[in-house]
Amino acid sequence: MDMIVQNEVFEAFSAGPHVILIRIVSKPFGVMTIAARRELAAFIEGASARHAARCIVLTGSGNSFSAGSNIREFEATAAWIEEARRVETHLNEVIERGPVPVIAACNGHTLGGGCVLALACDFRIAGRSATFGVPEVKLGAMPTATGTLRLPMLVGRGQALRLILTGQAIDAAEAYRIGLVEELVEDEALEARALEVAAQIAAVSPQAVSAARRCVSAGLRNGYGTGLLMEAEITVPLGLSADAIEGKAAFVEKRAPRF
């Protein structure tokens, strides 16, 4: 893999045609400062335009995906708390609503803001040794930056509140059972499996992928009617797009499409 970016927060690699691997390397446990979240959000926002990315895999290093915010940075002021919330929310919104899908490859401790970061991704693949939790109540806080919204949308109100109100972590098998992660693999196979799925996404129509993501997000965030309106708005332009024309031609000609 060819390295694209290397800093104290994350490393980014070209991991195949139109696929980028981002590895969180901040220490300890992949914790993130306000500045780190700004830097990661800016890279993801520009990944398509600058690096021709069609899919991103986001993972951690060592025994941690990310343990969330760097508590040593905390300031007990309204201005700091609001800025931290705003920047973290922006990062999670960029992941969900940004230009390309993001797969979370959860390799270890996926806790607090790190868990919410994984929830913002399109889907999650976990290694068997991964742990998940939102322990903020133990610190007199709660999982903000979209955490109180994303978790119940994914696992339901009861399971979400069980995790939020107790602050207890769960193992990867339990996370898979309740629907917090979509796939469970052996630790040593995690990165390869995530990159395999990313390559499958990168090989299909980027216009269709973008349209589908927008419709799913609109429906979940704003309701069934909004999702239908988004489908109505997108379906005809997508059907007349260059990708649709190429896909149909490739099917008729019995060849692989060139998107």
Protein backbone atom coordinates (compact mmCIF):
# COMPACT_ATOMS: atom_id res chain seq x y z
CA MET A 1 0.00 0.00 0.00
CA ASP A 2 1.19 3.50 -0.83
CA MET A 3 1.07 6.05 2.00
CA ILE A 4 -0.86 9.25 1.28
CA VAL A 5 -0.80 10.99 4.67
CA GLN A 6 1.11 10.42 7.90
CA ASN A 7 0.72 12.50 11.04
CA GLU A 8 0.23 12.04 14.79
CA VAL A 9 -3.51 11.47 14.37
CA PHE A 10 -3.90 9.09 11.43
CA GLU A 11 -2.17 7.44 8.51
CA ALA A 12 -3.87 7.11 5.13
CA PHE A 13 -2.95 4.64 2.40
CA SER A 14 -4.01 3.91 -1.14
CA ALA A 15 -5.21 0.34 -0.61
CA GLY A 16 -6.35 -0.53 -4.13
CA PRO A 17 -8.20 1.09 -7.03
CA HIS A 18 -10.28 3.93 -5.55
CA VAL A 19 -9.94 2.55 -1.97
CA ILE A 20 -8.33 4.40 0.94
CA LEU A 21 -7.41 2.89 4.29
CA ILE A 22 -7.32 5.35 7.20
CA ARG A 23 -5.63 4.07 10.36
CA ILE A 24 -6.10 6.05 13.59
CA VAL A 25 -2.72 6.14 15.33
CA SER A 26 -3.15 8.84 18.01
CA LYS A 27 -2.04 7.80 21.48
CA PRO A 28 -3.15 6.52 23.85
CA PHE A 29 -5.96 4.26 22.57
CA GLY A 30 -6.76 6.36 19.51
CA VAL A 31 -8.09 9.28 21.54
CA MET A 32 -8.82 12.44 19.60
CA THR A 33 -8.47 16.13 20.32
CA ILE A 34 -10.57 18.86 18.72
CA ALA A 35 -7.74 19.56 16.27
CA ALA A 36 -7.43 15.86 15.41
CA ARG A 37 -11.12 15.62 14.56
CA ARG A 38 -10.89 18.70 12.35
CA GLU A 39 -7.95 17.17 10.50
CA LEU A 40 -9.68 13.81 9.96
CA ALA A 41 -12.90 15.47 8.78
CA ALA A 42 -11.00 17.60 6.26
CA PHE A 43 -9.23 14.56 4.83
CA ILE A 44 -12.43 12.54 4.45
CA GLU A 45 -14.23 15.50 2.85
CA GLY A 46 -11.50 15.80 0.24
CA ALA A 47 -10.82 12.08 -0.32
CA SER A 48 -12.93 11.81 -3.46
CA ALA A 49 -11.75 14.99 -5.17
CA ARG A 50 -8.08 14.74 -4.19
CA HIS A 51 -7.48 11.00 -4.21
CA ALA A 52 -10.27 9.60 -6.45
CA ALA A 53 -11.59 7.58 -3.50
CA ARG A 54 -14.84 5.66 -3.91
CA CYS A 55 -14.72 3.89 -0.54
CA ILE A 56 -12.82 4.39 2.72
CA VAL A 57 -11.95 1.87 5.42
CA LEU A 58 -11.48 3.46 8.86
CA THR A 59 -9.65 1.41 11.48
CA GLY A 60 -7.47 1.80 14.55
CA SER A 61 -4.07 0.55 15.63
CA GLY A 62 -2.84 -1.76 18.34
CA ASN A 63 -5.68 -2.76 20.65
CA SER A 64 -7.92 0.22 19.97
CA PHE A 65 -10.16 1.53 17.21
CA SER A 66 -10.68 4.73 19.22
CA ALA A 67 -11.51 5.47 22.84
CA GLY A 68 -13.04 8.84 21.92
CA SER A 69 -12.07 12.24 23.24
CA ASN A 70 -8.77 13.04 24.88
CA ILE A 71 -9.98 13.83 28.39
CA ARG A 72 -6.74 15.66 29.19
CA GLU A 73 -7.84 18.38 26.77
CA PHE A 74 -11.12 18.98 28.62
CA GLU A 75 -11.88 22.52 29.79
CA ALA A 76 -14.81 23.22 32.10
CA THR A 77 -16.05 26.18 30.10
CA ALA A 78 -19.19 26.55 28.01
CA ALA A 79 -17.16 27.74 25.02
CA TRP A 80 -14.84 24.71 25.03
CA ILE A 81 -17.65 22.18 25.55
CA GLU A 82 -19.68 23.67 22.69
CA GLU A 83 -16.68 23.79 20.34
CA ALA A 84 -15.81 20.16 21.12
CA ARG A 85 -19.42 19.13 20.47
CA ARG A 86 -19.62 21.08 17.23
CA VAL A 87 -16.35 19.72 15.80
CA GLU A 88 -17.10 16.11 16.74
CA THR A 89 -20.62 16.38 15.31
CA HIS A 90 -19.19 17.79 12.08
CA LEU A 91 -16.80 14.83 11.73
CA ASN A 92 -19.60 12.30 12.21
CA GLU A 93 -21.88 14.13 9.79
CA VAL A 94 -19.08 14.28 7.20
CA ILE A 95 -18.71 10.51 7.46
CA GLU A 96 -22.43 9.84 6.98
CA ARG A 97 -23.19 12.54 4.42
CA GLY A 98 -19.81 12.90 2.75
CA PRO A 99 -18.86 11.93 -0.79
CA VAL A 100 -17.94 8.26 -0.29
CA PRO A 101 -18.97 5.31 1.92
CA VAL A 102 -16.90 4.67 5.04
CA ILE A 103 -16.54 1.19 6.53
CA ALA A 104 -15.52 0.96 10.20
CA ALA A 105 -13.12 -1.92 10.83
CA CYS A 106 -13.34 -2.09 14.62
CA ASN A 107 -10.15 -3.70 15.87
CA GLY A 108 -10.27 -3.24 19.65
CA HIS A 109 -11.58 -0.72 22.16
CA THR A 110 -14.39 1.17 20.40
CA LEU A 111 -15.58 3.39 23.20
CA GLY A 112 -17.23 6.74 23.84
CA GLY A 113 -16.71 9.09 20.95
CA GLY A 114 -14.89 6.26 19.19
CA CYS A 115 -18.05 4.17 19.31
CA VAL A 116 -20.09 7.09 17.93
CA LEU A 117 -17.47 7.51 15.21
CA ALA A 118 -18.03 3.87 14.21
CA LEU A 119 -21.81 4.37 14.32
CA ALA A 120 -21.50 7.23 11.81
CA CYS A 121 -19.90 4.89 9.27
CA ASP A 122 -22.01 3.16 6.63
CA PHE A 123 -21.53 -0.17 8.38
CA ARG A 124 -19.22 -1.87 10.85
CA ILE A 125 -17.07 -5.01 10.68
CA ALA A 126 -15.60 -6.09 14.03
CA GLY A 127 -12.75 -8.31 15.07
CA ARG A 128 -13.72 -10.82 17.76
CA SER A 129 -11.62 -9.10 20.43
CA ALA A 130 -13.31 -5.71 19.90
CA THR A 131 -15.30 -4.10 22.69
CA PHE A 132 -17.98 -1.43 22.40
CA GLY A 133 -19.47 1.02 24.84
CA VAL A 134 -20.54 4.56 25.63
CA PRO A 135 -19.26 5.07 29.21
CA GLU A 136 -19.83 8.84 29.34
CA VAL A 137 -22.33 8.63 32.25
CA LYS A 138 -19.45 7.45 34.44
CA LEU A 139 -17.84 10.84 33.82
CA GLY A 140 -21.00 12.90 34.31
CA ALA A 141 -21.62 13.25 30.58
CA MET A 142 -23.58 11.57 27.79
CA PRO A 143 -22.73 10.39 24.26
CA THR A 144 -23.37 13.53 22.23
CA ALA A 145 -22.21 14.49 18.71
CA THR A 146 -25.09 12.37 17.27
CA GLY A 147 -24.51 9.45 19.66
CA THR A 148 -27.93 9.57 21.37
CA LEU A 149 -29.52 9.49 17.89
CA ARG A 150 -27.41 7.01 15.98
CA LEU A 151 -27.32 4.30 18.64
CA PRO A 152 -31.11 3.87 19.02
CA MET A 153 -31.59 4.09 15.24
CA LEU A 154 -29.22 1.17 14.91
CA VAL A 155 -30.07 -1.11 17.86
CA GLY A 156 -33.44 0.19 19.10
CA ARG A 157 -34.40 2.35 22.07
CA GLY A 158 -34.10 -0.31 24.75
CA GLN A 159 -30.69 -1.66 23.80
CA ALA A 160 -29.39 1.88 23.26
CA LEU A 161 -30.53 3.03 26.69
CA ARG A 162 -29.13 -0.11 28.31
CA LEU A 163 -25.69 0.83 26.97
CA ILE A 164 -26.02 4.58 27.56
CA LEU A 165 -27.47 4.48 31.09
CA THR A 166 -25.20 1.76 32.50
CA GLY A 167 -22.05 2.86 30.71
CA GLN A 168 -21.06 -0.80 30.50
CA ALA A 169 -19.02 -2.15 27.59
CA ILE A 170 -20.04 -5.19 25.58
CA ASP A 171 -17.94 -7.64 23.60
CA ALA A 172 -18.02 -8.06 19.85
CA ALA A 173 -20.31 -11.10 19.95
CA GLU A 174 -22.94 -9.14 21.90
CA ALA A 175 -22.50 -6.14 19.61
CA TYR A 176 -23.19 -8.41 16.64
CA ARG A 177 -26.18 -9.99 18.38
CA ILE A 178 -27.92 -6.65 18.99
CA GLY A 179 -27.08 -5.24 15.56
CA LEU A 180 -24.42 -2.72 16.52
CA VAL A 181 -22.03 -4.35 14.03
CA GLU A 182 -22.99 -6.02 10.77
CA GLU A 183 -20.19 -8.58 10.48
CA LEU A 184 -17.88 -10.40 12.89
CA VAL A 185 -14.54 -11.86 11.81
CA GLU A 186 -11.36 -13.18 13.34
CA ASP A 187 -9.00 -10.40 14.40
CA GLU A 188 -6.32 -11.33 11.90
CA ALA A 189 -8.82 -11.25 9.02
CA LEU A 190 -10.41 -7.88 9.91
CA GLU A 191 -8.47 -5.46 7.74
CA ALA A 192 -8.40 -7.76 4.72
CA ARG A 193 -12.14 -8.37 4.94
CA ALA A 194 -12.94 -4.67 5.23
CA LEU A 195 -10.73 -3.90 2.24
CA GLU A 196 -12.40 -6.72 0.28
CA VAL A 197 -15.84 -5.17 0.84
CA ALA A 198 -14.47 -1.71 0.05
CA ALA A 199 -13.11 -3.00 -3.27
CA GLN A 200 -16.54 -4.42 -4.12
CA ILE A 201 -18.11 -1.00 -3.49
CA ALA A 202 -15.38 0.83 -5.40
CA ALA A 203 -15.98 -1.39 -8.45
CA VAL A 204 -19.65 -0.46 -8.92
CA SER A 205 -21.23 2.79 -10.09
CA PRO A 206 -20.14 5.68 -7.85
CA GLN A 207 -23.19 7.68 -8.93
CA ALA A 208 -25.53 4.86 -7.90
CA VAL A 209 -23.70 4.40 -4.59
CA SER A 210 -23.99 8.11 -3.84
CA ALA A 211 -27.69 8.19 -4.73
CA ALA A 212 -28.53 5.15 -2.62
CA ARG A 213 -26.67 6.55 0.41
CA ARG A 214 -28.49 9.87 0.11
CA CYS A 215 -31.91 8.20 -0.03
CA VAL A 216 -31.26 5.90 2.92
CA SER A 217 -29.93 8.77 5.01
CA ALA A 218 -32.84 11.07 4.12
CA GLY A 219 -35.44 8.44 5.01
CA LEU A 220 -33.86 7.51 8.33
CA ARG A 221 -33.26 11.10 9.40
CA ASN A 222 -36.44 12.75 8.16
CA GLY A 223 -39.01 9.99 7.72
CA TYR A 224 -40.52 7.72 5.07
CA GLY A 225 -42.13 10.54 3.10
CA THR A 226 -38.88 12.43 2.80
CA GLY A 227 -37.14 9.28 1.62
CA LEU A 228 -39.77 8.81 -1.09
CA LEU A 229 -39.35 12.42 -2.22
CA MET A 230 -35.60 11.92 -2.42
CA GLU A 231 -36.08 8.77 -4.50
CA ALA A 232 -38.41 10.67 -6.84
CA GLU A 233 -35.87 13.46 -7.20
CA ILE A 234 -32.92 11.18 -7.89
CA THR A 235 -34.29 8.22 -9.88
CA VAL A 236 -34.70 9.85 -13.31
CA PRO A 237 -31.36 11.73 -13.33
CA LEU A 238 -29.61 8.56 -12.16
CA GLY A 239 -31.32 6.50 -14.86
CA LEU A 240 -30.08 8.94 -17.50
CA SER A 241 -26.56 9.21 -16.09
CA ALA A 242 -23.38 8.10 -17.81
CA ASP A 243 -23.00 5.32 -15.24
CA ALA A 244 -26.48 3.95 -16.01
CA ILE A 245 -25.83 4.05 -19.75
CA GLU A 246 -22.50 2.26 -19.29
CA GLY A 247 -23.97 -0.32 -16.91
CA LYS A 248 -26.76 -1.26 -19.30
CA ALA A 249 -24.38 -1.39 -22.27
CA ALA A 250 -21.98 -3.64 -20.37
CA PHE A 251 -24.84 -5.97 -19.42
CA VAL A 252 -26.02 -6.27 -23.03
CA GLU A 253 -22.47 -6.72 -24.32
CA LYS A 254 -21.67 -9.27 -21.59
CA ARG A 255 -18.61 -7.43 -20.28
CA ALA A 256 -17.54 -5.75 -17.07
CA PRO A 257 -18.74 -2.13 -16.83
CA ARG A 258 -16.16 0.66 -16.86
CA PHE A 259 -17.34 3.21 -14.30
